[in-house]
N, C-alpha and C. Protein backbone atom coordinates (compact mmCIF):
# COMPACT_ATOMS: atom_id res chain seq x y z
N MET A 1 -10.12 -4.40 -12.59
CA MET A 1 -10.65 -4.83 -11.10
C MET A 1 -11.46 -4.75 -10.92
N PRO A 2 -12.83 -5.08 -10.04
CA PRO A 2 -13.93 -4.46 -9.80
C PRO A 2 -13.67 -3.22 -9.00
N ASP A 3 -15.22 -2.61 -8.87
CA ASP A 3 -15.49 -1.28 -8.05
C ASP A 3 -15.33 -2.01 -6.82
N PHE A 4 -14.46 -1.36 -5.63
CA PHE A 4 -14.37 -1.50 -4.59
C PHE A 4 -14.29 -0.32 -4.14
N ASP A 5 -15.21 0.58 -4.46
CA ASP A 5 -15.38 2.28 -4.08
C ASP A 5 -16.31 2.07 -2.78
N HIS A 6 -16.87 0.68 -2.49
CA HIS A 6 -18.11 1.61 -1.30
C HIS A 6 -16.95 0.41 0.03
N LEU A 7 -16.38 -0.33 -0.26
CA LEU A 7 -15.06 -1.08 0.48
C LEU A 7 -14.56 0.04 0.77
N ARG A 8 -13.50 0.66 0.10
CA ARG A 8 -12.45 1.88 0.24
C ARG A 8 -13.44 2.82 1.36
N VAL A 9 -14.26 3.04 1.37
CA VAL A 9 -14.76 4.10 1.68
C VAL A 9 -15.14 3.42 2.95
N LEU A 10 -15.94 2.34 4.10
CA LEU A 10 -16.30 1.42 4.35
C LEU A 10 -14.63 1.46 5.83
N LEU A 11 -13.76 0.98 4.94
CA LEU A 11 -12.58 0.50 5.50
C LEU A 11 -11.92 2.35 6.00
N GLN A 12 -11.73 3.59 4.78
CA GLN A 12 -11.62 4.66 5.73
C GLN A 12 -12.31 4.90 6.76
N ARG A 13 -13.63 4.73 6.98
CA ARG A 13 -14.61 5.29 7.83
C ARG A 13 -14.02 4.39 8.97
N ARG A 14 -13.30 3.32 9.00
CA ARG A 14 -13.72 3.39 9.81
C ARG A 14 -12.03 2.93 10.81
N ILE A 15 -11.35 3.16 9.81
CA ILE A 15 -9.48 3.88 10.58
C ILE A 15 -9.72 5.19 11.10
N ASP A 16 -10.63 6.20 10.18
CA ASP A 16 -11.06 7.65 10.95
C ASP A 16 -11.40 7.12 12.37
N LEU A 17 -12.52 6.78 12.95
CA LEU A 17 -13.19 6.29 13.31
C LEU A 17 -12.32 6.04 15.59
N ILE A 18 -11.67 5.03 14.89
CA ILE A 18 -10.84 4.36 15.45
C ILE A 18 -9.71 5.50 16.09
N ALA A 19 -9.89 6.22 14.80
CA ALA A 19 -8.45 7.49 15.60
C ALA A 19 -8.99 9.00 16.22
N ASP A 20 -10.81 8.92 16.02
CA ASP A 20 -11.25 10.09 17.06
C ASP A 20 -11.22 9.71 18.01
N HIS A 21 -10.10 10.22 18.69
CA HIS A 21 -10.46 10.03 20.03
C HIS A 21 -11.29 11.38 20.80
N ALA A 22 -11.27 12.43 20.01
CA ALA A 22 -12.06 13.10 20.86
C ALA A 22 -13.34 12.58 20.88
N PHE A 23 -13.91 12.31 19.25
CA PHE A 23 -15.33 11.23 20.26
C PHE A 23 -15.07 10.33 20.88
N ARG A 24 -14.36 9.34 20.91
CA ARG A 24 -14.59 9.14 22.17
C ARG A 24 -14.47 9.19 23.08
N ASP A 25 -13.46 10.26 23.43
CA ASP A 25 -13.58 10.78 25.22
C ASP A 25 -14.75 11.88 25.03
N ARG A 26 -15.85 11.91 24.66
CA ARG A 26 -16.17 13.65 24.06
C ARG A 26 -18.19 12.01 24.85
N ASP A 27 -18.11 10.66 23.55
CA ASP A 27 -19.16 10.11 24.13
C ASP A 27 -19.25 8.54 23.56
N ALA A 28 -18.36 7.77 24.50
CA ALA A 28 -17.97 6.61 24.31
C ALA A 28 -18.72 5.59 23.87
N ALA A 29 -20.27 5.62 24.68
CA ALA A 29 -21.29 5.16 23.84
C ALA A 29 -21.23 5.52 22.33
N GLY A 30 -21.28 6.49 22.17
CA GLY A 30 -21.52 6.88 20.48
C GLY A 30 -20.83 6.42 20.02
N HIS A 31 -19.12 6.48 20.15
CA HIS A 31 -18.31 6.40 19.22
C HIS A 31 -18.06 4.58 18.99
N LEU A 32 -18.45 3.54 20.57
CA LEU A 32 -18.64 2.46 20.30
C LEU A 32 -19.75 1.78 19.09
N GLU A 33 -21.07 2.94 19.25
CA GLU A 33 -21.83 1.93 18.25
C GLU A 33 -21.89 2.20 17.03
N ALA A 34 -20.63 2.98 17.52
CA ALA A 34 -20.84 4.10 15.46
C ALA A 34 -19.42 3.14 14.57
N LEU A 35 -18.55 2.40 15.80
CA LEU A 35 -17.05 1.94 15.45
C LEU A 35 -18.15 0.43 14.99
N LYS A 36 -19.13 -0.12 16.54
CA LYS A 36 -20.26 -1.09 15.57
C LYS A 36 -20.62 -1.62 14.20
N ASN A 37 -20.58 -0.40 14.05
CA ASN A 37 -22.37 -0.45 13.17
C ASN A 37 -21.39 0.02 11.80
N VAL A 38 -19.98 0.33 11.54
CA VAL A 38 -19.24 0.80 10.67
C VAL A 38 -18.81 -0.48 10.00
N SER A 39 -18.32 -1.68 11.29
CA SER A 39 -17.23 -2.98 11.14
C SER A 39 -18.61 -3.51 10.69
N GLU A 40 -19.72 -3.70 11.25
CA GLU A 40 -20.75 -4.98 10.13
C GLU A 40 -21.41 -4.37 9.22
N GLU A 41 -20.67 -3.25 8.58
CA GLU A 41 -21.77 -3.02 7.06
C GLU A 41 -19.94 -3.67 6.23
N LEU A 42 -18.78 -3.32 7.27
CA LEU A 42 -17.86 -3.62 5.92
C LEU A 42 -17.75 -5.35 6.12
N MET A 43 -18.23 -5.76 7.46
CA MET A 43 -17.98 -7.59 7.26
C MET A 43 -18.96 -8.08 6.23
N ALA A 44 -19.94 -6.99 5.87
CA ALA A 44 -21.49 -7.36 4.96
C ALA A 44 -21.01 -7.67 3.05
N GLU A 45 -20.25 -5.89 3.59
CA GLU A 45 -19.08 -5.81 2.21
C GLU A 45 -18.66 -7.16 1.57
N HIS A 46 -17.35 -7.04 2.93
CA HIS A 46 -16.54 -7.88 3.09
C HIS A 46 -17.41 -9.46 2.25
N GLN A 47 -18.36 -10.03 2.66
CA GLN A 47 -19.23 -11.37 2.21
C GLN A 47 -19.70 -10.55 1.17
N LYS A 48 -20.09 -9.71 0.86
CA LYS A 48 -20.84 -9.42 -0.46
C LYS A 48 -19.93 -10.14 -1.81
N LEU A 49 -18.24 -8.86 -2.04
CA LEU A 49 -17.68 -9.16 -2.53
C LEU A 49 -16.59 -10.01 -2.23
N ARG A 50 -16.26 -11.33 -1.34
CA ARG A 50 -15.36 -11.84 -1.42
C ARG A 50 -15.30 -13.47 -3.10
N PRO A 51 -16.23 -13.51 -3.29
CA PRO A 51 -16.10 -13.93 -4.86
C PRO A 51 -15.07 -13.31 -6.07
N GLN A 52 -15.22 -12.56 -6.29
CA GLN A 52 -14.14 -11.28 -7.05
C GLN A 52 -13.26 -10.84 -6.34
N LEU A 53 -12.57 -10.63 -5.16
CA LEU A 53 -11.81 -9.85 -4.41
C LEU A 53 -10.49 -11.16 -4.59
N PRO A 54 -9.37 -10.31 -5.01
CA PRO A 54 -8.33 -11.13 -5.13
C PRO A 54 -7.59 -11.28 -3.77
N PRO A 55 -6.85 -12.49 -3.79
CA PRO A 55 -6.57 -13.22 -2.86
C PRO A 55 -6.16 -12.40 -1.76
N ARG A 56 -4.79 -11.39 -1.90
CA ARG A 56 -4.62 -11.25 -0.63
C ARG A 56 -5.34 -9.72 -0.40
N LEU A 57 -6.21 -9.49 -0.75
CA LEU A 57 -6.78 -8.27 -0.11
C LEU A 57 -8.02 -8.95 0.66
N ASN A 58 -8.34 -10.10 -0.08
CA ASN A 58 -9.23 -11.24 0.82
C ASN A 58 -8.54 -11.33 2.25
N HIS A 59 -7.41 -11.76 2.22
CA HIS A 59 -6.61 -12.29 3.02
C HIS A 59 -6.66 -11.24 4.04
N PHE A 60 -6.04 -10.06 3.89
CA PHE A 60 -6.06 -8.83 4.59
C PHE A 60 -7.62 -8.14 5.08
N LEU A 61 -8.78 -8.29 4.40
CA LEU A 61 -10.03 -8.21 5.27
C LEU A 61 -10.37 -9.25 6.41
N THR A 62 -10.02 -10.88 5.93
CA THR A 62 -10.20 -11.71 6.88
C THR A 62 -9.34 -11.75 8.14
N GLN A 63 -8.46 -11.09 7.78
CA GLN A 63 -7.67 -10.82 8.87
C GLN A 63 -7.57 -9.64 9.88
N ALA A 64 -9.02 -9.32 9.40
CA ALA A 64 -9.29 -7.59 9.78
C ALA A 64 -7.97 -6.85 9.70
N SER A 65 -6.95 -6.94 8.60
CA SER A 65 -5.65 -5.59 8.74
C SER A 65 -6.09 -5.04 7.84
N PHE A 66 -7.11 -3.86 8.32
CA PHE A 66 -7.87 -2.89 7.33
C PHE A 66 -7.28 -1.83 6.76
N SER A 67 -5.94 -1.72 7.94
CA SER A 67 -5.55 0.06 7.24
C SER A 67 -3.97 -0.60 5.93
N LYS A 68 -3.90 -2.39 6.14
CA LYS A 68 -3.69 -3.13 4.83
C LYS A 68 -3.80 -3.32 3.65
N ALA A 69 -5.46 -3.52 3.80
CA ALA A 69 -6.57 -3.71 2.56
C ALA A 69 -6.63 -2.45 1.77
N LEU A 70 -6.80 -1.09 2.87
CA LEU A 70 -7.27 -0.35 2.23
C LEU A 70 -5.76 0.42 1.57
N GLU A 71 -4.31 0.15 2.09
CA GLU A 71 -2.98 0.39 0.92
C GLU A 71 -2.87 -0.39 0.00
N TYR A 72 -3.37 -1.67 0.23
CA TYR A 72 -3.97 -2.62 -1.23
C TYR A 72 -4.58 -1.81 -1.99
N LEU A 73 -5.98 -1.30 -1.65
CA LEU A 73 -6.75 -0.98 -2.90
C LEU A 73 -6.16 0.67 -3.16
N ASP A 74 -5.45 1.11 -2.60
CA ASP A 74 -4.79 2.93 -3.13
C ASP A 74 -3.80 2.40 -3.80
N SER A 75 -2.69 0.79 -3.86
CA SER A 75 -1.62 1.11 -4.78
C SER A 75 -2.04 0.23 -5.86
N SER A 76 -3.37 -0.22 -6.30
CA SER A 76 -4.01 -0.92 -7.19
C SER A 76 -4.59 -0.30 -8.12
N GLU A 77 -5.16 1.25 -7.68
CA GLU A 77 -5.87 1.88 -8.62
C GLU A 77 -4.99 2.06 -9.73
N ASP A 78 -5.44 2.27 -11.03
CA ASP A 78 -5.42 2.63 -12.32
C ASP A 78 -4.73 3.64 -12.61
């Protein structure tokens, strides 16, 4: 499988940000901006990797099923 390390990092960062309620409660605008930035990075990485993505992983990313995409990557490790 191609190297999807950066994709994995972005997926984990987005999931962690969504779960960071303390950050959201402390700085809602900052939290939203951080979420927007990682989401844009994730979309760009998806587009860059799209030709080499396995169909199922591409489906998860297209449908914004980011937890499933991360699970797929983690289960596909050698």
